[in-house]
Amino acid sequence: MNSEIERHLKEMRERYKGINYDEIVNLGWVNEDPVTISGKKYHPAIWGQEFDGQALLVVQLTRWYILRWFGATDCIGFLVNKAGTLSEVDAYWLMHEVGHP
């Protein structure tokens, strides 16, 4: 992952660290305004869902190549249990445990 992309994703994730389990599970999908990083346009999104009894929050940046049909996504996130304990997750974990970014 490009270091500028990683920095931007970490900033996005940091904005959401104060929300609780229920807020994450009920978050759904939130599109943010496109951003330009290193001269390239990315489409940020944040989404949450329940995963294995925990709340999973994912922040992602997608770069579209062909009319929103073909693109690449970089993502990171975190898990929060009902007691409020937070653990960060990376793209590798998301792809191998959740199965998608």
C-alpha atoms as a PDB file:
ATOM      1  CA  MET A   1       0.000   0.000   0.000  1.00  0.00           C
ATOM      2  CA  ASN A   2       1.285   3.455  -0.937  1.00  0.00           C
ATOM      3  CA  SER A   3       2.387   5.392   2.171  1.00  0.00           C
ATOM      4  CA  GLU A   4       0.172   8.389   1.285  1.00  0.00           C
ATOM      5  CA  ILE A   5      -2.830   6.094   0.880  1.00  0.00           C
ATOM      6  CA  GLU A   6      -2.034   4.427   4.191  1.00  0.00           C
ATOM      7  CA  ARG A   7      -1.730   7.789   5.954  1.00  0.00           C
ATOM      8  CA  HIS A   8      -5.081   8.952   4.563  1.00  0.00           C
ATOM      9  CA  LEU A   9      -6.785   5.704   5.597  1.00  0.00           C
ATOM     10  CA  LYS A  10      -5.366   5.955   9.120  1.00  0.00           C
ATOM     11  CA  GLU A  11      -6.694   9.529   9.390  1.00  0.00           C
ATOM     12  CA  MET A  12     -10.133   8.332   8.248  1.00  0.00           C
ATOM     13  CA  ARG A  13     -10.084   5.461  10.736  1.00  0.00           C
ATOM     14  CA  GLU A  14      -9.024   7.751  13.573  1.00  0.00           C
ATOM     15  CA  ARG A  15     -12.149   9.921  13.078  1.00  0.00           C
ATOM     16  CA  TYR A  16     -14.363   6.936  13.907  1.00  0.00           C
ATOM     17  CA  LYS A  17     -12.550   5.474  16.912  1.00  0.00           C
ATOM     18  CA  GLY A  18     -14.942   7.128  19.367  1.00  0.00           C
ATOM     19  CA  ILE A  19     -18.099   5.372  18.189  1.00  0.00           C
ATOM     20  CA  ASN A  20     -19.500   2.355  19.986  1.00  0.00           C
ATOM     21  CA  TYR A  21     -20.564  -1.153  18.974  1.00  0.00           C
ATOM     22  CA  ASP A  22     -24.189  -0.278  18.160  1.00  0.00           C
ATOM     23  CA  GLU A  23     -23.258   2.792  16.134  1.00  0.00           C
ATOM     24  CA  ILE A  24     -20.844   0.771  13.996  1.00  0.00           C
ATOM     25  CA  VAL A  25     -23.279  -2.089  13.404  1.00  0.00           C
ATOM     26  CA  ASN A  26     -25.971   0.405  12.334  1.00  0.00           C
ATOM     27  CA  LEU A  27     -23.641   2.620  10.294  1.00  0.00           C
ATOM     28  CA  GLY A  28     -24.273   0.988   6.923  1.00  0.00           C
ATOM     29  CA  TRP A  29     -22.351   2.433   3.968  1.00  0.00           C
ATOM     30  CA  VAL A  30     -21.188   6.073   3.947  1.00  0.00           C
ATOM     31  CA  ASN A  31     -19.678   7.566   0.795  1.00  0.00           C
ATOM     32  CA  GLU A  32     -17.488  10.609   1.253  1.00  0.00           C
ATOM     33  CA  ASP A  33     -16.505  13.195  -1.344  1.00  0.00           C
ATOM     34  CA  PRO A  34     -13.708  12.118  -3.708  1.00  0.00           C
ATOM     35  CA  VAL A  35     -10.158  13.055  -2.733  1.00  0.00           C
ATOM     36  CA  THR A  36      -7.000  13.510  -4.780  1.00  0.00           C
ATOM     37  CA  ILE A  37      -3.856  11.784  -3.558  1.00  0.00           C
ATOM     38  CA  SER A  38      -0.627  12.003  -5.584  1.00  0.00           C
ATOM     39  CA  GLY A  39      -2.606  13.436  -8.488  1.00  0.00           C
ATOM     40  CA  LYS A  40      -5.060  10.497  -8.580  1.00  0.00           C
ATOM     41  CA  LYS A  41      -8.752  10.583  -7.698  1.00  0.00           C
ATOM     42  CA  TYR A  42      -9.987   8.217  -4.978  1.00  0.00           C
ATOM     43  CA  HIS A  43     -13.487   7.555  -3.685  1.00  0.00           C
ATOM     44  CA  PRO A  44     -13.531   7.153   0.121  1.00  0.00           C
ATOM     45  CA  ALA A  45     -16.163   5.128   1.926  1.00  0.00           C
ATOM     46  CA  ILE A  46     -16.762   3.952   5.478  1.00  0.00           C
ATOM     47  CA  TRP A  47     -18.953   1.018   6.410  1.00  0.00           C
ATOM     48  CA  GLY A  48     -19.804  -1.057   9.431  1.00  0.00           C
ATOM     49  CA  GLN A  49     -21.302  -4.454  10.121  1.00  0.00           C
ATOM     50  CA  GLU A  50     -21.439  -7.165  12.751  1.00  0.00           C
ATOM     51  CA  PHE A  51     -18.719  -9.788  12.341  1.00  0.00           C
ATOM     52  CA  ASP A  52     -18.255 -12.802  14.639  1.00  0.00           C
ATOM     53  CA  GLY A  53     -19.974 -11.083  17.565  1.00  0.00           C
ATOM     54  CA  GLN A  54     -18.000  -7.879  17.182  1.00  0.00           C
ATOM     55  CA  ALA A  55     -18.594  -4.637  15.304  1.00  0.00           C
ATOM     56  CA  LEU A  56     -16.368  -4.222  12.253  1.00  0.00           C
ATOM     57  CA  LEU A  57     -15.690  -0.754  10.862  1.00  0.00           C
ATOM     58  CA  VAL A  58     -13.852  -0.420   7.537  1.00  0.00           C
ATOM     59  CA  VAL A  59     -12.473   2.703   5.874  1.00  0.00           C
ATOM     60  CA  GLN A  60     -11.553   2.366   2.238  1.00  0.00           C
ATOM     61  CA  LEU A  61     -10.280   4.274  -0.762  1.00  0.00           C
ATOM     62  CA  THR A  62     -11.267   3.067  -4.217  1.00  0.00           C
ATOM     63  CA  ARG A  63      -9.632   4.162  -7.438  1.00  0.00           C
ATOM     64  CA  TRP A  64     -11.856   3.485 -10.444  1.00  0.00           C
ATOM     65  CA  TYR A  65     -10.295   2.739 -13.815  1.00  0.00           C
ATOM     66  CA  ILE A  66     -13.244   1.994 -16.093  1.00  0.00           C
ATOM     67  CA  LEU A  67     -16.504   3.822 -15.351  1.00  0.00           C
ATOM     68  CA  ARG A  68     -16.891   2.430 -11.798  1.00  0.00           C
ATOM     69  CA  TRP A  69     -16.769  -1.065 -13.250  1.00  0.00           C
ATOM     70  CA  PHE A  70     -13.121  -1.947 -12.626  1.00  0.00           C
ATOM     71  CA  GLY A  71     -11.071  -0.511  -9.799  1.00  0.00           C
ATOM     72  CA  ALA A  72      -8.734  -1.133  -6.893  1.00  0.00           C
ATOM     73  CA  THR A  73      -9.503  -0.690  -3.211  1.00  0.00           C
ATOM     74  CA  ASP A  74      -7.183  -0.108  -0.269  1.00  0.00           C
ATOM     75  CA  CYS A  75      -8.706  -0.527   3.175  1.00  0.00           C
ATOM     76  CA  ILE A  76      -8.113  -0.863   6.905  1.00  0.00           C
ATOM     77  CA  GLY A  77     -10.419  -0.888   9.894  1.00  0.00           C
ATOM     78  CA  PHE A  78     -11.018  -2.044  13.420  1.00  0.00           C
ATOM     79  CA  LEU A  79     -13.116  -4.400  15.492  1.00  0.00           C
ATOM     80  CA  VAL A  80     -14.965  -3.317  18.648  1.00  0.00           C
ATOM     81  CA  ASN A  81     -16.538  -5.749  21.073  1.00  0.00           C
ATOM     82  CA  LYS A  82     -19.562  -4.921  23.219  1.00  0.00           C
ATOM     83  CA  ALA A  83     -17.279  -3.975  26.129  1.00  0.00           C
ATOM     84  CA  GLY A  84     -15.634  -1.334  23.920  1.00  0.00           C
ATOM     85  CA  THR A  85     -12.282  -3.054  23.387  1.00  0.00           C
ATOM     86  CA  LEU A  86     -10.864  -2.009  20.019  1.00  0.00           C
ATOM     87  CA  SER A  87      -8.405  -3.894  17.806  1.00  0.00           C
ATOM     88  CA  GLU A  88      -7.132  -2.572  14.476  1.00  0.00           C
ATOM     89  CA  VAL A  89      -7.248  -4.713  11.337  1.00  0.00           C
ATOM     90  CA  ASP A  90      -5.409  -4.373   8.036  1.00  0.00           C
ATOM     91  CA  ALA A  91      -6.299  -5.141   4.419  1.00  0.00           C
ATOM     92  CA  TYR A  92      -4.749  -8.613   4.613  1.00  0.00           C
ATOM     93  CA  TRP A  93      -6.942  -9.552   7.568  1.00  0.00           C
ATOM     94  CA  LEU A  94     -10.039  -8.117   5.883  1.00  0.00           C
ATOM     95  CA  MET A  95      -9.477 -10.116   2.699  1.00  0.00           C
ATOM     96  CA  HIS A  96      -8.687 -13.392   4.483  1.00  0.00           C
ATOM     97  CA  GLU A  97     -11.140 -13.241   7.397  1.00  0.00           C
ATOM     98  CA  VAL A  98     -14.074 -11.210   6.040  1.00  0.00           C
ATOM     99  CA  GLY A  99     -13.518 -12.040   2.379  1.00  0.00           C
ATOM    100  CA  HIS A 100     -13.846  -8.531   0.978  1.00  0.00           C
ATOM    101  CA  PRO A 101     -12.707  -4.999   1.749  1.00  0.00           C
END
